[in-house]
C-alpha atoms as a PDB file:
ATOM      1  CA  MET A   1      -6.416 -18.763  -2.546  1.00  0.00           C
ATOM      2  CA  PRO A   2      -8.528 -16.137  -4.846  1.00  0.00           C
ATOM      3  CA  GLN A   3      -7.283 -15.006  -7.425  1.00  0.00           C
ATOM      4  CA  LEU A   4      -6.450 -11.622  -7.988  1.00  0.00           C
ATOM      5  CA  PRO A   5      -9.050  -9.506 -10.527  1.00  0.00           C
ATOM      6  CA  PRO A   6      -7.608  -8.274 -13.428  1.00  0.00           C
ATOM      7  CA  GLU A   7      -8.828  -5.064 -13.138  1.00  0.00           C
ATOM      8  CA  LEU A   8      -7.340  -4.565  -9.869  1.00  0.00           C
ATOM      9  CA  ALA A   9      -3.625  -5.168 -10.933  1.00  0.00           C
ATOM     10  CA  TYR A  10      -2.518  -2.316 -11.688  1.00  0.00           C
ATOM     11  CA  ILE A  11      -3.720  -1.123  -7.670  1.00  0.00           C
ATOM     12  CA  TRP A  12      -1.698  -4.358  -5.664  1.00  0.00           C
ATOM     13  CA  ASN A  13       1.458  -3.046  -8.348  1.00  0.00           C
ATOM     14  CA  TRP A  14       1.214   0.488  -7.014  1.00  0.00           C
ATOM     15  CA  PHE A  15       0.942  -1.213  -3.865  1.00  0.00           C
ATOM     16  CA  THR A  16       3.806  -2.991  -3.801  1.00  0.00           C
ATOM     17  CA  GLN A  17       5.841  -0.252  -4.925  1.00  0.00           C
ATOM     18  CA  LEU A  18       4.601   1.889  -2.360  1.00  0.00           C
ATOM     19  CA  ASN A  19       5.330  -0.592  -0.005  1.00  0.00           C
ATOM     20  CA  GLN A  20       9.376  -0.769  -0.591  1.00  0.00           C
ATOM     21  CA  LYS A  21       9.225   2.947   0.190  1.00  0.00           C
ATOM     22  CA  ARG A  22       7.712   2.162   3.687  1.00  0.00           C
ATOM     23  CA  GLN A  23       9.524   3.387   6.493  1.00  0.00           C
ATOM     24  CA  CYS A  24      10.284   1.333   9.264  1.00  0.00           C
ATOM     25  CA  GLY A  25      12.081   1.775  12.690  1.00  0.00           C
ATOM     26  CA  MET A  26      11.531  -0.368  15.507  1.00  0.00           C
ATOM     27  CA  ALA A  27       8.214  -1.949  14.007  1.00  0.00           C
ATOM     28  CA  VAL A  28       6.790  -1.565  10.680  1.00  0.00           C
ATOM     29  CA  ASN A  29       4.729   1.810   9.853  1.00  0.00           C
ATOM     30  CA  ALA A  30       1.731   2.501   8.242  1.00  0.00           C
ATOM     31  CA  LEU A  31       2.406   4.483   4.960  1.00  0.00           C
ATOM     32  CA  THR A  32       2.056   7.781   5.515  1.00  0.00           C
ATOM     33  CA  SER A  33       0.379  10.752   3.481  1.00  0.00           C
ATOM     34  CA  ALA A  34       3.784  12.223   2.768  1.00  0.00           C
ATOM     35  CA  GLU A  35       4.779   9.029   1.218  1.00  0.00           C
ATOM     36  CA  ILE A  36       1.575   8.268  -0.942  1.00  0.00           C
ATOM     37  CA  LEU A  37       1.493  11.692  -2.491  1.00  0.00           C
ATOM     38  CA  ALA A  38       5.211  11.503  -3.261  1.00  0.00           C
ATOM     39  CA  TRP A  39       5.208   8.377  -4.599  1.00  0.00           C
ATOM     40  CA  GLN A  40       1.799   9.576  -7.219  1.00  0.00           C
ATOM     41  CA  ALA A  41       3.749  12.894  -7.860  1.00  0.00           C
ATOM     42  CA  ARG A  42       6.677  11.167  -9.064  1.00  0.00           C
ATOM     43  CA  HIS A  43       4.814   8.642 -11.309  1.00  0.00           C
ATOM     44  CA  GLY A  44       2.514  11.084 -12.187  1.00  0.00           C
ATOM     45  CA  VAL A  45      -0.350   9.591 -11.072  1.00  0.00           C
ATOM     46  CA  ARG A  46      -3.185  10.254  -8.948  1.00  0.00           C
ATOM     47  CA  PHE A  47      -5.653   7.967  -7.200  1.00  0.00           C
ATOM     48  CA  ASP A  48      -9.208   8.275  -7.080  1.00  0.00           C
ATOM     49  CA  PRO A  49     -11.355   7.622  -4.189  1.00  0.00           C
ATOM     50  CA  PHE A  50     -11.887   4.676  -4.664  1.00  0.00           C
ATOM     51  CA  GLU A  51      -8.423   3.232  -5.104  1.00  0.00           C
ATOM     52  CA  GLU A  52      -7.316   5.583  -2.192  1.00  0.00           C
ATOM     53  CA  GLY A  53      -9.503   3.650  -0.534  1.00  0.00           C
ATOM     54  CA  VAL A  54      -8.008   0.055  -1.403  1.00  0.00           C
ATOM     55  CA  ILE A  55      -4.565   0.852  -0.995  1.00  0.00           C
ATOM     56  CA  ASP A  56      -5.409   2.322   2.422  1.00  0.00           C
ATOM     57  CA  ARG A  57      -7.057  -1.595   3.373  1.00  0.00           C
ATOM     58  CA  LEU A  58      -4.374  -3.287   1.558  1.00  0.00           C
ATOM     59  CA  ASP A  59      -2.109  -1.531   4.353  1.00  0.00           C
ATOM     60  CA  THR A  60      -4.123  -2.168   6.977  1.00  0.00           C
ATOM     61  CA  LEU A  61      -4.107  -5.443   5.702  1.00  0.00           C
ATOM     62  CA  PHE A  62       0.031  -5.742   5.301  1.00  0.00           C
ATOM     63  CA  LEU A  63       0.337  -4.059   8.889  1.00  0.00           C
ATOM     64  CA  HIS A  64      -2.217  -6.955  10.803  1.00  0.00           C
ATOM     65  CA  HIS A  65       0.043  -9.967   8.554  1.00  0.00           C
ATOM     66  CA  GLN A  66       3.720  -8.223  10.017  1.00  0.00           C
ATOM     67  CA  ASN A  67       2.058  -8.102  13.537  1.00  0.00           C
ATOM     68  CA  LYS A  68       1.148 -11.204  13.512  1.00  0.00           C
ATOM     69  CA  LYS A  69       4.215 -12.915  12.588  1.00  0.00           C
ATOM     70  CA  GLU A  70       5.603 -11.249  14.971  1.00  0.00           C
ATOM     71  CA  LYS A  71       3.923 -12.756  17.831  1.00  0.00           C
END
């Protein structure tokens, strides 16, 4: 498994914090824009477009992995 580049570790940390606040019902749901904006406001962070894209991609990969585990 490739190592996480140190330059991106802060985004991974943000994603893990966001992931803990994820809403789950009958299935794992994608992070909503409202959840992401609320997290940013709470932590005094504003994602730049690159960071936002990475968070979105990590969320997509997380959901893919979760759905794969359930089958």
